N, C-alpha and C. Protein backbone atom coordinates (compact mmCIF):
# COMPACT_ATOMS: atom_id res chain seq x y z
N MET A 1 5.18 -12.94 -2.18
CA MET A 1 5.14 -11.53 -2.55
C MET A 1 3.71 -11.16 -2.94
N SER A 2 3.27 -10.02 -2.56
CA SER A 2 1.89 -9.60 -2.79
C SER A 2 1.57 -9.31 -4.25
N VAL A 3 2.57 -8.97 -5.07
CA VAL A 3 2.31 -8.73 -6.49
C VAL A 3 1.74 -9.99 -7.11
N GLU A 4 2.34 -11.13 -6.80
CA GLU A 4 1.85 -12.40 -7.35
C GLU A 4 0.42 -12.67 -6.91
N LYS A 5 0.10 -12.37 -5.66
CA LYS A 5 -1.28 -12.54 -5.18
C LYS A 5 -2.22 -11.58 -5.90
N ALA A 6 -1.80 -10.34 -6.05
CA ALA A 6 -2.64 -9.34 -6.72
C ALA A 6 -2.90 -9.71 -8.17
N LEU A 7 -1.94 -10.36 -8.80
CA LEU A 7 -2.10 -10.78 -10.20
C LEU A 7 -3.12 -11.90 -10.35
N GLN A 8 -3.54 -12.49 -9.24
CA GLN A 8 -4.58 -13.52 -9.27
C GLN A 8 -5.98 -12.91 -9.30
N ARG A 9 -6.05 -11.59 -9.20
CA ARG A 9 -7.35 -10.92 -9.29
C ARG A 9 -7.96 -11.20 -10.67
N PRO A 10 -9.29 -11.25 -10.75
CA PRO A 10 -9.94 -11.46 -12.05
C PRO A 10 -9.61 -10.32 -13.01
N ILE A 11 -9.65 -10.60 -14.29
CA ILE A 11 -9.31 -9.61 -15.31
C ILE A 11 -10.26 -8.41 -15.25
N ASN A 12 -11.47 -8.61 -14.75
CA ASN A 12 -12.45 -7.52 -14.66
C ASN A 12 -12.45 -6.86 -13.27
N TYR A 13 -11.38 -7.05 -12.52
CA TYR A 13 -11.30 -6.52 -11.15
C TYR A 13 -11.59 -5.03 -11.08
N SER A 14 -11.02 -4.26 -11.98
CA SER A 14 -11.20 -2.80 -11.93
C SER A 14 -12.64 -2.39 -12.22
N ALA A 15 -13.40 -3.24 -12.88
CA ALA A 15 -14.80 -2.93 -13.18
C ALA A 15 -15.75 -3.36 -12.05
N MET A 16 -15.23 -4.11 -11.08
CA MET A 16 -16.06 -4.58 -9.96
C MET A 16 -16.35 -3.43 -9.01
N ASP A 17 -17.48 -3.54 -8.31
CA ASP A 17 -17.73 -2.53 -7.28
C ASP A 17 -16.84 -2.81 -6.08
N THR A 18 -16.75 -1.85 -5.20
CA THR A 18 -15.78 -1.95 -4.09
C THR A 18 -16.03 -3.14 -3.18
N SER A 19 -17.29 -3.52 -2.99
CA SER A 19 -17.56 -4.67 -2.12
C SER A 19 -17.07 -5.97 -2.76
N GLU A 20 -17.18 -6.08 -4.08
CA GLU A 20 -16.66 -7.26 -4.78
C GLU A 20 -15.13 -7.26 -4.73
N GLN A 21 -14.52 -6.10 -4.93
CA GLN A 21 -13.06 -6.01 -4.85
C GLN A 21 -12.58 -6.39 -3.45
N TYR A 22 -13.31 -5.95 -2.43
CA TYR A 22 -12.96 -6.28 -1.06
C TYR A 22 -12.97 -7.80 -0.85
N ARG A 23 -14.03 -8.45 -1.34
CA ARG A 23 -14.13 -9.91 -1.19
C ARG A 23 -12.97 -10.62 -1.89
N VAL A 24 -12.62 -10.17 -3.09
CA VAL A 24 -11.51 -10.78 -3.84
C VAL A 24 -10.21 -10.60 -3.05
N ASP A 25 -9.94 -9.37 -2.63
CA ASP A 25 -8.69 -9.10 -1.90
C ASP A 25 -8.63 -9.85 -0.57
N LYS A 26 -9.77 -9.97 0.09
CA LYS A 26 -9.80 -10.71 1.36
C LYS A 26 -9.47 -12.18 1.11
N LYS A 27 -10.07 -12.75 0.06
CA LYS A 27 -9.81 -14.15 -0.26
C LYS A 27 -8.33 -14.38 -0.61
N LEU A 28 -7.72 -13.41 -1.28
CA LEU A 28 -6.32 -13.52 -1.66
C LEU A 28 -5.36 -13.17 -0.51
N GLY A 29 -5.90 -12.59 0.56
CA GLY A 29 -5.08 -12.23 1.70
C GLY A 29 -4.26 -10.97 1.49
N ILE A 30 -4.79 -10.03 0.69
CA ILE A 30 -4.03 -8.81 0.39
C ILE A 30 -4.83 -7.55 0.72
N LEU A 31 -5.70 -7.63 1.70
CA LEU A 31 -6.50 -6.45 2.07
C LEU A 31 -5.65 -5.26 2.47
N ASP A 32 -4.55 -5.51 3.11
CA ASP A 32 -3.71 -4.41 3.62
C ASP A 32 -2.49 -4.15 2.74
N TRP A 33 -2.47 -4.68 1.52
CA TRP A 33 -1.32 -4.53 0.64
C TRP A 33 -1.18 -3.09 0.18
N GLU A 34 -0.05 -2.51 0.44
CA GLU A 34 0.30 -1.16 -0.02
C GLU A 34 1.54 -1.32 -0.88
N PRO A 35 1.37 -1.40 -2.22
CA PRO A 35 2.53 -1.66 -3.07
C PRO A 35 3.55 -0.52 -3.06
N THR A 36 4.80 -0.91 -3.12
CA THR A 36 5.85 0.09 -3.31
C THR A 36 5.75 0.58 -4.76
N ALA A 37 6.46 1.62 -5.09
CA ALA A 37 6.45 2.14 -6.47
C ALA A 37 6.92 1.05 -7.44
N LYS A 38 7.93 0.30 -7.05
CA LYS A 38 8.45 -0.77 -7.90
C LYS A 38 7.40 -1.86 -8.09
N GLU A 39 6.72 -2.24 -7.02
CA GLU A 39 5.67 -3.25 -7.12
C GLU A 39 4.51 -2.76 -7.98
N ALA A 40 4.14 -1.50 -7.85
CA ALA A 40 3.05 -0.93 -8.64
C ALA A 40 3.40 -0.96 -10.13
N ARG A 41 4.64 -0.64 -10.48
CA ARG A 41 5.07 -0.70 -11.89
C ARG A 41 5.04 -2.14 -12.40
N GLU A 42 5.53 -3.06 -11.59
CA GLU A 42 5.54 -4.47 -11.97
C GLU A 42 4.11 -4.98 -12.17
N TYR A 43 3.22 -4.63 -11.25
CA TYR A 43 1.83 -5.04 -11.34
C TYR A 43 1.20 -4.50 -12.62
N SER A 44 1.39 -3.22 -12.90
CA SER A 44 0.83 -2.60 -14.11
C SER A 44 1.36 -3.25 -15.37
N ARG A 45 2.66 -3.50 -15.40
CA ARG A 45 3.27 -4.13 -16.57
C ARG A 45 2.70 -5.52 -16.82
N LYS A 46 2.61 -6.30 -15.75
CA LYS A 46 2.12 -7.68 -15.90
C LYS A 46 0.63 -7.71 -16.26
N ARG A 47 -0.16 -6.80 -15.68
CA ARG A 47 -1.59 -6.75 -16.03
C ARG A 47 -1.74 -6.39 -17.51
N SER A 48 -0.91 -5.49 -17.99
CA SER A 48 -0.93 -5.12 -19.40
C SER A 48 -0.61 -6.33 -20.28
N GLU A 49 0.40 -7.08 -19.89
CA GLU A 49 0.78 -8.29 -20.63
C GLU A 49 -0.35 -9.32 -20.63
N MET A 50 -1.15 -9.32 -19.55
CA MET A 50 -2.28 -10.25 -19.44
C MET A 50 -3.47 -9.81 -20.29
N GLY A 51 -3.41 -8.59 -20.82
CA GLY A 51 -4.50 -8.09 -21.65
C GLY A 51 -5.59 -7.36 -20.90
N ASP A 52 -5.31 -6.97 -19.66
CA ASP A 52 -6.29 -6.23 -18.86
C ASP A 52 -6.54 -4.87 -19.51
N PRO A 53 -7.77 -4.58 -19.95
CA PRO A 53 -8.06 -3.31 -20.62
C PRO A 53 -7.74 -2.09 -19.77
N GLU A 54 -7.80 -2.21 -18.47
CA GLU A 54 -7.48 -1.10 -17.58
C GLU A 54 -6.02 -0.66 -17.74
N TYR A 55 -5.17 -1.60 -18.13
CA TYR A 55 -3.73 -1.32 -18.22
C TYR A 55 -3.19 -1.31 -19.64
N THR A 56 -4.00 -1.70 -20.63
CA THR A 56 -3.52 -1.74 -22.01
C THR A 56 -4.04 -0.59 -22.85
N GLY A 57 -5.04 0.13 -22.36
CA GLY A 57 -5.61 1.21 -23.14
C GLY A 57 -6.65 0.73 -24.12
N LEU A 58 -7.07 -0.53 -24.02
CA LEU A 58 -8.05 -1.06 -24.95
C LEU A 58 -9.38 -0.33 -24.86
N ASP A 59 -9.73 0.11 -23.68
CA ASP A 59 -10.99 0.85 -23.52
C ASP A 59 -10.99 2.08 -24.42
N ASN A 60 -9.88 2.78 -24.47
CA ASN A 60 -9.77 3.98 -25.31
C ASN A 60 -9.88 3.62 -26.78
N ASP A 61 -9.26 2.51 -27.19
CA ASP A 61 -9.33 2.08 -28.58
C ASP A 61 -10.76 1.73 -28.97
N ILE A 62 -11.46 1.03 -28.09
CA ILE A 62 -12.84 0.64 -28.36
C ILE A 62 -13.73 1.87 -28.44
N ALA A 63 -13.56 2.79 -27.50
CA ALA A 63 -14.37 3.99 -27.48
C ALA A 63 -14.16 4.82 -28.73
N SER A 64 -12.96 4.84 -29.27
CA SER A 64 -12.69 5.66 -30.44
C SER A 64 -13.33 5.11 -31.71
N ASN A 65 -13.78 3.85 -31.67
CA ASN A 65 -14.44 3.25 -32.83
C ASN A 65 -15.90 3.63 -32.94
N PHE A 66 -16.46 4.31 -31.96
CA PHE A 66 -17.88 4.64 -31.97
C PHE A 66 -18.11 6.11 -32.21
């Protein structure tokens, strides 16, 4: 399943530039992955559980401290 492959992306994936993201997705074999709504929710939930700031809102918490 592609969700499991996508979850192998580095925690800083969303901060990478598009060429780096392309290389990661190519290596994982998910260049053409188009998640269903259910897969997108599962991916977001699991990334949040992993502590990914893109999905946990940590960026907002950090920004509010300054």
